[in-house]
Amino acid sequence: MQANITPFPNEQAHTESLSKEPGAESPVVKNVLSVEELRRDKSLWYKLHIFMYDLRNYRSNNDARSRLDCVVNEYYVGLPYFTEDEAQKLLHTTTDILKGETLGDAIKTFCTAKLEHRIKNRMKETGDYRVCAAHDLAPIFERAFRVNTKDLSKNKGFMRLMGKGGLQAVENGEVWKGLGK
């Protein structure tokens, strides 16, 4: 039995963003963003990096644990990190151009296929069914947004800004120029 899992809080809204072009065999997603377009929203891009940092550092960082423990969205794409509008932007960002896959598609695929199988195996072995933020969720986001988690913790500017202003640093006027390369 397969669970009906959807990364879209309002499945109807996602379905409505699909329309069938005349003569097309499959629906075409409208209002999707590229990673490059998402990157232009400095505040969202910054918060996304904090989110990815927190996923990798849940056990070792009390602030990361506090923020992640506040999330009530089953895929963690929600408050306190992201507003509903920001969450929808993220879920509708094209993360695999060749496949036309969005972040929402990637999460849905992971949860319905790989995670379901893994949960069954882990339940038999340990009785623990929980998702691991660092091992299950972080790689999805890091691949999707082309971020190396080690770059986050090694970037002194990012770490200072996160420590100083938390999630609202950029919204409160602080400047973050990104990780640089």
N, C-alpha and C. Protein backbone atom coordinates (compact mmCIF):
# COMPACT_ATOMS: atom_id res chain seq x y z
N MET A 1 0.85 -1.18 0.00
CA MET A 1 0.00 0.00 0.00
C MET A 1 0.89 1.23 0.00
N GLN A 2 0.65 2.12 -0.91
CA GLN A 2 1.45 3.31 -1.03
C GLN A 2 0.73 4.49 -0.39
N ALA A 3 1.50 5.25 0.42
CA ALA A 3 0.92 6.40 1.09
C ALA A 3 0.67 7.52 0.09
N ASN A 4 -0.34 8.29 0.34
CA ASN A 4 -0.63 9.45 -0.50
C ASN A 4 0.08 10.65 0.11
N ILE A 5 1.33 10.85 -0.32
CA ILE A 5 2.16 11.90 0.25
C ILE A 5 2.32 12.99 -0.79
N THR A 6 2.13 14.22 -0.36
CA THR A 6 2.31 15.34 -1.27
C THR A 6 3.06 16.47 -0.58
N PRO A 7 4.08 17.04 -1.24
CA PRO A 7 4.79 18.16 -0.63
C PRO A 7 4.02 19.46 -0.75
N PHE A 8 2.89 19.44 -1.42
CA PHE A 8 2.12 20.65 -1.61
C PHE A 8 1.01 20.71 -0.57
N PRO A 9 1.06 21.71 0.33
CA PRO A 9 0.03 21.80 1.36
C PRO A 9 -1.37 21.85 0.76
N ASN A 10 -1.49 22.42 -0.41
CA ASN A 10 -2.78 22.49 -1.07
C ASN A 10 -2.63 21.84 -2.43
N GLU A 11 -2.89 20.54 -2.51
CA GLU A 11 -2.69 19.78 -3.75
C GLU A 11 -3.48 20.38 -4.90
N GLN A 12 -4.64 20.95 -4.61
CA GLN A 12 -5.44 21.55 -5.66
C GLN A 12 -4.70 22.73 -6.29
N ALA A 13 -4.01 23.53 -5.46
CA ALA A 13 -3.25 24.66 -5.99
C ALA A 13 -2.16 24.16 -6.92
N HIS A 14 -1.50 23.07 -6.56
CA HIS A 14 -0.46 22.52 -7.42
C HIS A 14 -1.08 22.00 -8.71
N THR A 15 -2.19 21.30 -8.60
CA THR A 15 -2.85 20.76 -9.78
C THR A 15 -3.30 21.87 -10.69
N GLU A 16 -3.76 22.98 -10.11
CA GLU A 16 -4.21 24.10 -10.92
C GLU A 16 -3.05 24.77 -11.64
N SER A 17 -1.81 24.60 -11.12
CA SER A 17 -0.67 25.20 -11.80
C SER A 17 -0.25 24.35 -13.00
N LEU A 18 -0.89 23.21 -13.17
CA LEU A 18 -0.64 22.36 -14.32
C LEU A 18 -1.74 22.61 -15.34
N SER A 19 -1.38 22.75 -16.58
CA SER A 19 -2.40 22.87 -17.60
C SER A 19 -1.94 22.09 -18.81
N LYS A 20 -2.87 21.60 -19.54
CA LYS A 20 -2.53 20.83 -20.72
C LYS A 20 -2.51 21.76 -21.92
N GLU A 21 -1.33 21.88 -22.51
CA GLU A 21 -1.19 22.69 -23.71
C GLU A 21 -1.87 21.96 -24.86
N PRO A 22 -2.46 22.69 -25.78
CA PRO A 22 -3.10 22.03 -26.92
C PRO A 22 -2.10 21.13 -27.65
N GLY A 23 -2.47 19.87 -27.85
CA GLY A 23 -1.62 18.92 -28.55
C GLY A 23 -0.53 18.31 -27.68
N ALA A 24 -0.39 18.76 -26.44
CA ALA A 24 0.65 18.22 -25.57
C ALA A 24 0.17 16.93 -24.95
N GLU A 25 1.11 16.01 -24.75
CA GLU A 25 0.75 14.72 -24.15
C GLU A 25 0.71 14.79 -22.64
N SER A 26 1.51 15.68 -22.04
CA SER A 26 1.53 15.77 -20.59
C SER A 26 1.33 17.21 -20.16
N PRO A 27 0.92 17.41 -18.90
CA PRO A 27 0.69 18.76 -18.41
C PRO A 27 1.99 19.57 -18.38
N VAL A 28 1.86 20.87 -18.51
CA VAL A 28 2.99 21.78 -18.45
C VAL A 28 2.85 22.58 -17.17
N VAL A 29 3.91 22.64 -16.37
CA VAL A 29 3.86 23.39 -15.12
C VAL A 29 4.07 24.86 -15.44
N LYS A 30 3.21 25.70 -14.88
CA LYS A 30 3.34 27.14 -15.05
C LYS A 30 3.84 27.73 -13.74
N ASN A 31 4.42 28.91 -13.83
CA ASN A 31 4.91 29.64 -12.67
C ASN A 31 6.00 28.91 -11.91
N VAL A 32 6.84 28.19 -12.62
CA VAL A 32 7.99 27.57 -11.98
C VAL A 32 9.16 28.54 -12.07
N LEU A 33 10.06 28.43 -11.13
CA LEU A 33 11.25 29.27 -11.11
C LEU A 33 12.48 28.43 -11.38
N SER A 34 13.51 29.04 -11.91
CA SER A 34 14.79 28.37 -12.00
C SER A 34 15.55 28.66 -10.71
N VAL A 35 16.58 27.90 -10.45
CA VAL A 35 17.40 28.15 -9.26
C VAL A 35 18.00 29.55 -9.37
N GLU A 36 18.39 29.95 -10.56
CA GLU A 36 18.96 31.29 -10.76
C GLU A 36 17.95 32.38 -10.42
N GLU A 37 16.69 32.18 -10.79
CA GLU A 37 15.65 33.16 -10.45
C GLU A 37 15.41 33.19 -8.94
N LEU A 38 15.40 32.04 -8.32
CA LEU A 38 15.20 31.96 -6.87
C LEU A 38 16.34 32.67 -6.14
N ARG A 39 17.53 32.54 -6.66
CA ARG A 39 18.73 33.15 -6.07
C ARG A 39 18.61 34.68 -5.97
N ARG A 40 17.82 35.27 -6.84
CA ARG A 40 17.65 36.74 -6.84
C ARG A 40 16.89 37.24 -5.62
N ASP A 41 16.11 36.38 -5.00
CA ASP A 41 15.39 36.75 -3.78
C ASP A 41 16.38 36.54 -2.62
N LYS A 42 17.12 37.59 -2.31
CA LYS A 42 18.23 37.49 -1.35
C LYS A 42 17.80 36.95 0.01
N SER A 43 16.65 37.40 0.49
CA SER A 43 16.18 36.96 1.80
C SER A 43 15.84 35.47 1.79
N LEU A 44 15.11 35.03 0.78
CA LEU A 44 14.74 33.61 0.67
C LEU A 44 15.98 32.75 0.47
N TRP A 45 16.91 33.19 -0.36
CA TRP A 45 18.13 32.43 -0.63
C TRP A 45 18.95 32.27 0.66
N TYR A 46 19.01 33.34 1.45
CA TYR A 46 19.72 33.29 2.73
C TYR A 46 19.04 32.32 3.70
N LYS A 47 17.71 32.43 3.82
CA LYS A 47 16.98 31.54 4.73
C LYS A 47 17.10 30.08 4.29
N LEU A 48 17.13 29.85 2.99
CA LEU A 48 17.31 28.49 2.47
C LEU A 48 18.67 27.93 2.91
N HIS A 49 19.69 28.75 2.93
CA HIS A 49 21.01 28.31 3.38
C HIS A 49 21.02 28.00 4.88
N ILE A 50 20.33 28.83 5.65
CA ILE A 50 20.22 28.51 7.09
C ILE A 50 19.50 27.18 7.26
N PHE A 51 18.44 26.99 6.52
CA PHE A 51 17.67 25.75 6.58
C PHE A 51 18.57 24.55 6.27
N MET A 52 19.36 24.64 5.21
CA MET A 52 20.25 23.53 4.85
C MET A 52 21.32 23.32 5.91
N TYR A 53 21.84 24.40 6.46
CA TYR A 53 22.81 24.30 7.56
C TYR A 53 22.18 23.58 8.75
N ASP A 54 20.98 24.00 9.09
CA ASP A 54 20.28 23.40 10.24
C ASP A 54 20.02 21.91 10.03
N LEU A 55 19.63 21.53 8.82
CA LEU A 55 19.39 20.11 8.56
C LEU A 55 20.64 19.27 8.85
N ARG A 56 21.78 19.77 8.47
CA ARG A 56 23.04 19.05 8.68
C ARG A 56 23.55 19.13 10.11
N ASN A 57 23.10 20.12 10.86
CA ASN A 57 23.66 20.36 12.19
C ASN A 57 22.64 20.21 13.31
N TYR A 58 21.57 19.48 13.05
CA TYR A 58 20.49 19.31 14.02
C TYR A 58 20.99 18.82 15.37
N ARG A 59 21.82 17.82 15.37
CA ARG A 59 22.28 17.23 16.64
C ARG A 59 23.32 18.06 17.36
N SER A 60 24.13 18.79 16.60
CA SER A 60 25.27 19.48 17.22
C SER A 60 25.03 20.95 17.52
N ASN A 61 23.94 21.53 17.04
CA ASN A 61 23.71 22.96 17.20
C ASN A 61 22.33 23.19 17.82
N ASN A 62 22.31 23.77 19.01
CA ASN A 62 21.05 23.99 19.72
C ASN A 62 20.10 24.92 18.97
N ASP A 63 20.64 25.97 18.35
CA ASP A 63 19.78 26.90 17.60
C ASP A 63 19.14 26.19 16.40
N ALA A 64 19.94 25.36 15.72
CA ALA A 64 19.41 24.59 14.57
C ALA A 64 18.29 23.67 15.04
N ARG A 65 18.53 22.98 16.13
CA ARG A 65 17.53 22.06 16.67
C ARG A 65 16.26 22.81 17.07
N SER A 66 16.41 23.97 17.70
CA SER A 66 15.25 24.76 18.12
C SER A 66 14.41 25.19 16.93
N ARG A 67 15.09 25.66 15.87
CA ARG A 67 14.36 26.09 14.68
C ARG A 67 13.66 24.92 14.01
N LEU A 68 14.37 23.82 13.79
CA LEU A 68 13.77 22.67 13.12
C LEU A 68 12.64 22.04 13.93
N ASP A 69 12.77 22.07 15.24
CA ASP A 69 11.72 21.50 16.09
C ASP A 69 10.43 22.32 16.04
N CYS A 70 10.50 23.55 15.56
CA CYS A 70 9.30 24.40 15.43
C CYS A 70 8.53 24.13 14.15
N VAL A 71 9.16 23.49 13.19
CA VAL A 71 8.52 23.28 11.89
C VAL A 71 7.41 22.25 12.03
N VAL A 72 6.24 22.58 11.49
CA VAL A 72 5.12 21.64 11.54
C VAL A 72 4.80 21.05 10.17
N ASN A 73 5.39 21.59 9.11
CA ASN A 73 5.19 21.06 7.77
C ASN A 73 5.89 19.72 7.66
N GLU A 74 5.22 18.72 7.10
CA GLU A 74 5.80 17.38 7.06
C GLU A 74 7.07 17.28 6.25
N TYR A 75 7.34 18.25 5.38
CA TYR A 75 8.57 18.26 4.60
C TYR A 75 9.52 19.37 5.03
N TYR A 76 9.21 20.00 6.15
CA TYR A 76 10.03 21.05 6.73
C TYR A 76 10.05 22.33 5.91
N VAL A 77 9.28 22.41 4.85
CA VAL A 77 9.26 23.60 4.01
C VAL A 77 8.14 24.51 4.52
N GLY A 78 8.40 25.18 5.64
CA GLY A 78 7.40 26.03 6.25
C GLY A 78 8.02 26.88 7.35
N LEU A 79 7.16 27.47 8.15
CA LEU A 79 7.63 28.30 9.26
C LEU A 79 8.44 27.47 10.24
N PRO A 80 9.42 28.02 10.89
CA PRO A 80 9.83 29.42 10.94
C PRO A 80 10.74 29.85 9.78
N TYR A 81 11.12 28.94 8.93
CA TYR A 81 12.03 29.27 7.84
C TYR A 81 11.36 30.03 6.70
N PHE A 82 10.21 29.52 6.25
CA PHE A 82 9.61 30.03 5.03
C PHE A 82 8.12 30.34 5.23
N THR A 83 7.70 31.47 4.67
CA THR A 83 6.28 31.78 4.64
C THR A 83 5.62 30.82 3.65
N GLU A 84 4.31 30.82 3.59
CA GLU A 84 3.59 29.97 2.63
C GLU A 84 3.98 30.32 1.19
N ASP A 85 4.09 31.62 0.88
CA ASP A 85 4.49 32.03 -0.47
C ASP A 85 5.91 31.57 -0.79
N GLU A 86 6.81 31.72 0.16
CA GLU A 86 8.19 31.27 -0.05
C GLU A 86 8.25 29.76 -0.22
N ALA A 87 7.47 29.04 0.57
CA ALA A 87 7.44 27.58 0.46
C ALA A 87 6.97 27.17 -0.93
N GLN A 88 5.96 27.84 -1.44
CA GLN A 88 5.46 27.52 -2.78
C GLN A 88 6.51 27.84 -3.84
N LYS A 89 7.23 28.94 -3.67
CA LYS A 89 8.32 29.26 -4.61
C LYS A 89 9.35 28.13 -4.62
N LEU A 90 9.74 27.69 -3.43
CA LEU A 90 10.74 26.62 -3.33
C LEU A 90 10.24 25.34 -3.98
N LEU A 91 9.02 24.95 -3.65
CA LEU A 91 8.47 23.70 -4.17
C LEU A 91 8.29 23.73 -5.68
N HIS A 92 8.14 24.92 -6.24
CA HIS A 92 7.95 25.06 -7.69
C HIS A 92 9.21 25.51 -8.41
N THR A 93 10.36 25.35 -7.77
CA THR A 93 11.63 25.68 -8.41
C THR A 93 12.12 24.46 -9.18
N THR A 94 12.47 24.66 -10.44
CA THR A 94 12.98 23.57 -11.26
C THR A 94 14.39 23.24 -10.80
N THR A 95 14.57 22.03 -10.35
CA THR A 95 15.86 21.61 -9.83
C THR A 95 16.58 20.65 -10.76
N ASP A 96 15.87 20.08 -11.71
CA ASP A 96 16.47 19.22 -12.73
C ASP A 96 15.89 19.62 -14.07
N ILE A 97 16.64 20.43 -14.79
CA ILE A 97 16.15 21.00 -16.05
C ILE A 97 15.88 19.91 -17.07
N LEU A 98 16.75 18.91 -17.14
CA LEU A 98 16.57 17.85 -18.14
C LEU A 98 15.29 17.07 -17.93
N LYS A 99 14.95 16.80 -16.68
CA LYS A 99 13.73 16.05 -16.38
C LYS A 99 12.53 16.97 -16.19
N GLY A 100 12.78 18.27 -16.04
CA GLY A 100 11.70 19.20 -15.75
C GLY A 100 11.17 19.02 -14.35
N GLU A 101 12.01 18.53 -13.44
CA GLU A 101 11.59 18.21 -12.08
C GLU A 101 11.74 19.42 -11.17
N THR A 102 10.74 19.63 -10.33
CA THR A 102 10.79 20.70 -9.33
C THR A 102 11.23 20.10 -7.99
N LEU A 103 11.52 20.97 -7.04
CA LEU A 103 11.85 20.51 -5.70
C LEU A 103 10.69 19.70 -5.13
N GLY A 104 9.47 20.17 -5.35
CA GLY A 104 8.29 19.44 -4.87
C GLY A 104 8.24 18.04 -5.45
N ASP A 105 8.56 17.91 -6.75
CA ASP A 105 8.59 16.58 -7.37
C ASP A 105 9.65 15.70 -6.71
N ALA A 106 10.84 16.26 -6.47
CA ALA A 106 11.93 15.49 -5.87
C ALA A 106 11.56 15.00 -4.47
N ILE A 107 10.93 15.86 -3.69
CA ILE A 107 10.53 15.47 -2.34
C ILE A 107 9.45 14.39 -2.42
N LYS A 108 8.49 14.59 -3.29
CA LYS A 108 7.41 13.62 -3.44
C LYS A 108 7.95 12.26 -3.88
N THR A 109 8.86 12.26 -4.84
CA THR A 109 9.47 11.02 -5.31
C THR A 109 10.20 10.32 -4.18
N PHE A 110 10.99 11.09 -3.44
CA PHE A 110 11.74 10.51 -2.32
C PHE A 110 10.79 9.90 -1.29
N CYS A 111 9.77 10.64 -0.95
CA CYS A 111 8.87 10.18 0.11
C CYS A 111 8.02 9.00 -0.31
N THR A 112 7.61 8.94 -1.55
CA THR A 112 6.73 7.85 -1.97
C THR A 112 7.49 6.60 -2.35
N ALA A 113 8.72 6.73 -2.78
CA ALA A 113 9.45 5.55 -3.24
C ALA A 113 10.54 5.13 -2.25
N LYS A 114 11.57 5.90 -2.21
CA LYS A 114 12.75 5.51 -1.42
C LYS A 114 12.49 5.49 0.07
N LEU A 115 11.85 6.53 0.57
CA LEU A 115 11.65 6.62 2.01
C LEU A 115 10.69 5.55 2.51
N GLU A 116 9.65 5.28 1.75
CA GLU A 116 8.69 4.25 2.18
C GLU A 116 9.39 2.90 2.35
N HIS A 117 10.24 2.55 1.40
CA HIS A 117 11.01 1.30 1.49
C HIS A 117 11.97 1.34 2.68
N ARG A 118 12.63 2.47 2.85
CA ARG A 118 13.59 2.60 3.94
C ARG A 118 12.91 2.52 5.31
N ILE A 119 11.76 3.13 5.41
CA ILE A 119 11.04 3.10 6.68
C ILE A 119 10.67 1.66 7.05
N LYS A 120 10.21 0.90 6.07
CA LYS A 120 9.87 -0.49 6.34
C LYS A 120 11.08 -1.26 6.85
N ASN A 121 12.23 -1.06 6.21
CA ASN A 121 13.44 -1.76 6.65
C ASN A 121 13.91 -1.30 8.01
N ARG A 122 13.90 0.02 8.23
CA ARG A 122 14.36 0.55 9.50
C ARG A 122 13.42 0.12 10.63
N MET A 123 12.13 0.08 10.36
CA MET A 123 11.17 -0.35 11.37
C MET A 123 11.46 -1.78 11.80
N LYS A 124 11.79 -2.65 10.86
CA LYS A 124 12.09 -4.04 11.19
C LYS A 124 13.36 -4.14 12.03
N GLU A 125 14.37 -3.33 11.67
CA GLU A 125 15.66 -3.41 12.34
C GLU A 125 15.68 -2.72 13.70
N THR A 126 15.13 -1.51 13.77
CA THR A 126 15.30 -0.71 14.98
C THR A 126 14.00 -0.26 15.62
N GLY A 127 12.90 -0.34 14.91
CA GLY A 127 11.64 0.17 15.43
C GLY A 127 11.53 1.68 15.29
N ASP A 128 12.53 2.31 14.66
CA ASP A 128 12.56 3.77 14.49
C ASP A 128 12.17 4.11 13.07
N TYR A 129 11.11 4.85 12.89
CA TYR A 129 10.61 5.19 11.56
C TYR A 129 10.92 6.63 11.15
N ARG A 130 11.50 7.40 12.04
CA ARG A 130 11.66 8.83 11.79
C ARG A 130 12.62 9.14 10.63
N VAL A 131 12.37 10.28 10.01
CA VAL A 131 13.24 10.79 8.96
C VAL A 131 14.43 11.47 9.63
N CYS A 132 15.61 11.27 9.10
CA CYS A 132 16.81 11.93 9.62
C CYS A 132 17.06 13.18 8.79
N ALA A 133 17.06 14.32 9.45
CA ALA A 133 17.25 15.59 8.74
C ALA A 133 18.56 15.60 7.97
N ALA A 134 19.64 15.17 8.60
CA ALA A 134 20.96 15.23 7.97
C ALA A 134 21.13 14.23 6.83
N HIS A 135 20.60 13.04 6.99
CA HIS A 135 20.83 11.99 5.99
C HIS A 135 19.72 11.86 4.96
N ASP A 136 18.51 12.22 5.30
CA ASP A 136 17.38 12.06 4.38
C ASP A 136 17.02 13.34 3.65
N LEU A 137 16.84 14.42 4.40
CA LEU A 137 16.35 15.66 3.80
C LEU A 137 17.46 16.56 3.25
N ALA A 138 18.54 16.72 4.00
CA ALA A 138 19.60 17.64 3.57
C ALA A 138 20.11 17.35 2.16
N PRO A 139 20.41 16.10 1.81
CA PRO A 139 20.92 15.86 0.45
C PRO A 139 19.96 16.27 -0.67
N ILE A 140 18.67 16.16 -0.44
CA ILE A 140 17.70 16.57 -1.46
C ILE A 140 17.84 18.07 -1.74
N PHE A 141 17.88 18.86 -0.67
CA PHE A 141 17.97 20.31 -0.82
C PHE A 141 19.34 20.73 -1.34
N GLU A 142 20.40 20.10 -0.85
CA GLU A 142 21.75 20.45 -1.30
C GLU A 142 21.93 20.17 -2.80
N ARG A 143 21.45 19.03 -3.27
CA ARG A 143 21.53 18.73 -4.70
C ARG A 143 20.67 19.70 -5.51
N ALA A 144 19.46 19.93 -5.02
CA ALA A 144 18.52 20.79 -5.75
C ALA A 144 19.07 22.20 -5.93
N PHE A 145 19.73 22.73 -4.91
CA PHE A 145 20.18 24.12 -4.97
C PHE A 145 21.69 24.25 -5.11
N ARG A 146 22.33 23.11 -5.40
CA ARG A 146 23.76 23.07 -5.73
C ARG A 146 24.61 23.71 -4.64
N VAL A 147 24.40 23.25 -3.41
CA VAL A 147 25.12 23.79 -2.26
C VAL A 147 25.91 22.67 -1.60
N ASN A 148 27.17 22.95 -1.33
CA ASN A 148 28.01 22.03 -0.58
C ASN A 148 27.92 22.43 0.88
N THR A 149 27.42 21.52 1.70
CA THR A 149 27.18 21.86 3.11
C THR A 149 28.45 22.30 3.83
N LYS A 150 29.60 21.79 3.42
CA LYS A 150 30.86 22.19 4.06
C LYS A 150 31.15 23.65 3.79
N ASP A 151 30.71 24.15 2.62
CA ASP A 151 30.90 25.57 2.31
C ASP A 151 30.14 26.45 3.29
N LEU A 152 29.01 25.97 3.77
CA LEU A 152 28.21 26.76 4.73
C LEU A 152 28.96 26.94 6.04
N SER A 153 29.42 25.84 6.62
CA SER A 153 30.06 25.95 7.94
C SER A 153 31.44 26.58 7.88
N LYS A 154 32.06 26.57 6.72
CA LYS A 154 33.40 27.18 6.58
C LYS A 154 33.32 28.66 6.23
N ASN A 155 32.16 29.14 5.82
CA ASN A 155 32.02 30.52 5.40
C ASN A 155 31.82 31.40 6.63
N LYS A 156 32.85 32.14 6.99
CA LYS A 156 32.82 32.96 8.20
C LYS A 156 31.74 34.04 8.14
N GLY A 157 31.54 34.63 6.97
CA GLY A 157 30.52 35.67 6.83
C GLY A 157 29.13 35.11 7.07
N PHE A 158 28.85 33.93 6.51
CA PHE A 158 27.55 33.29 6.72
C PHE A 158 27.35 32.94 8.19
N MET A 159 28.35 32.34 8.79
CA MET A 159 28.24 31.93 10.20
C MET A 159 28.04 33.14 11.12
N ARG A 160 28.77 34.22 10.84
CA ARG A 160 28.64 35.44 11.65
C ARG A 160 27.25 36.04 11.50
N LEU A 161 26.78 36.13 10.26
CA LEU A 161 25.46 36.71 10.01
C LEU A 161 24.36 35.86 10.62
N MET A 162 24.48 34.56 10.51
CA MET A 162 23.47 33.67 11.08
C MET A 162 23.47 33.81 12.61
N GLY A 163 24.64 33.89 13.21
CA GLY A 163 24.73 34.05 14.67
C GLY A 163 24.22 35.39 15.13
N LYS A 164 24.44 36.41 14.34
CA LYS A 164 24.04 37.77 14.71
C LYS A 164 22.55 38.02 14.51
N GLY A 165 22.01 37.60 13.35
CA GLY A 165 20.64 37.98 13.03
C GLY A 165 19.68 36.84 12.79
N GLY A 166 20.18 35.61 12.83
CA GLY A 166 19.31 34.46 12.61
C GLY A 166 18.61 34.52 11.27
N LEU A 167 17.41 34.01 11.21
CA LEU A 167 16.65 33.93 9.96
C LEU A 167 16.29 35.31 9.39
N GLN A 168 16.17 36.30 10.23
CA GLN A 168 15.72 37.61 9.76
C GLN A 168 16.85 38.59 9.44
N ALA A 169 18.08 38.14 9.46
CA ALA A 169 19.22 39.06 9.27
C ALA A 169 19.09 39.87 7.98
N VAL A 170 18.83 39.22 6.86
CA VAL A 170 18.75 39.92 5.58
C VAL A 170 17.50 40.80 5.53
N GLU A 171 16.39 40.30 6.05
CA GLU A 171 15.16 41.10 6.08
C GLU A 171 15.33 42.34 6.95
N ASN A 172 16.22 42.26 7.94
CA ASN A 172 16.45 43.39 8.84
C ASN A 172 17.58 44.29 8.36
N GLY A 173 17.98 44.15 7.10
CA GLY A 173 18.93 45.08 6.52
C GLY A 173 20.37 44.61 6.43
N GLU A 174 20.69 43.47 6.99
CA GLU A 174 22.04 42.95 6.88
C GLU A 174 22.29 42.52 5.43
N VAL A 175 23.53 42.55 5.01
CA VAL A 175 23.88 42.20 3.64
C VAL A 175 24.61 40.87 3.64
N TRP A 176 24.12 39.98 2.80
CA TRP A 176 24.79 38.69 2.59
C TRP A 176 25.03 38.55 1.10
N LYS A 177 26.27 38.36 0.73
CA LYS A 177 26.62 38.27 -0.68
C LYS A 177 26.68 36.84 -1.19
N GLY A 178 26.27 35.91 -0.37
CA GLY A 178 26.30 34.51 -0.77
C GLY A 178 27.59 33.85 -0.33
N LEU A 179 27.72 32.62 -0.70
CA LEU A 179 28.88 31.84 -0.27
C LEU A 179 30.13 32.18 -1.08
N GLY A 180 29.93 32.65 -2.29
CA GLY A 180 31.09 32.90 -3.14
C GLY A 180 31.69 31.56 -3.56
N LYS A 181 32.56 31.60 -4.48
CA LYS A 181 33.20 30.34 -4.91
C LYS A 181 34.66 30.57 -5.13
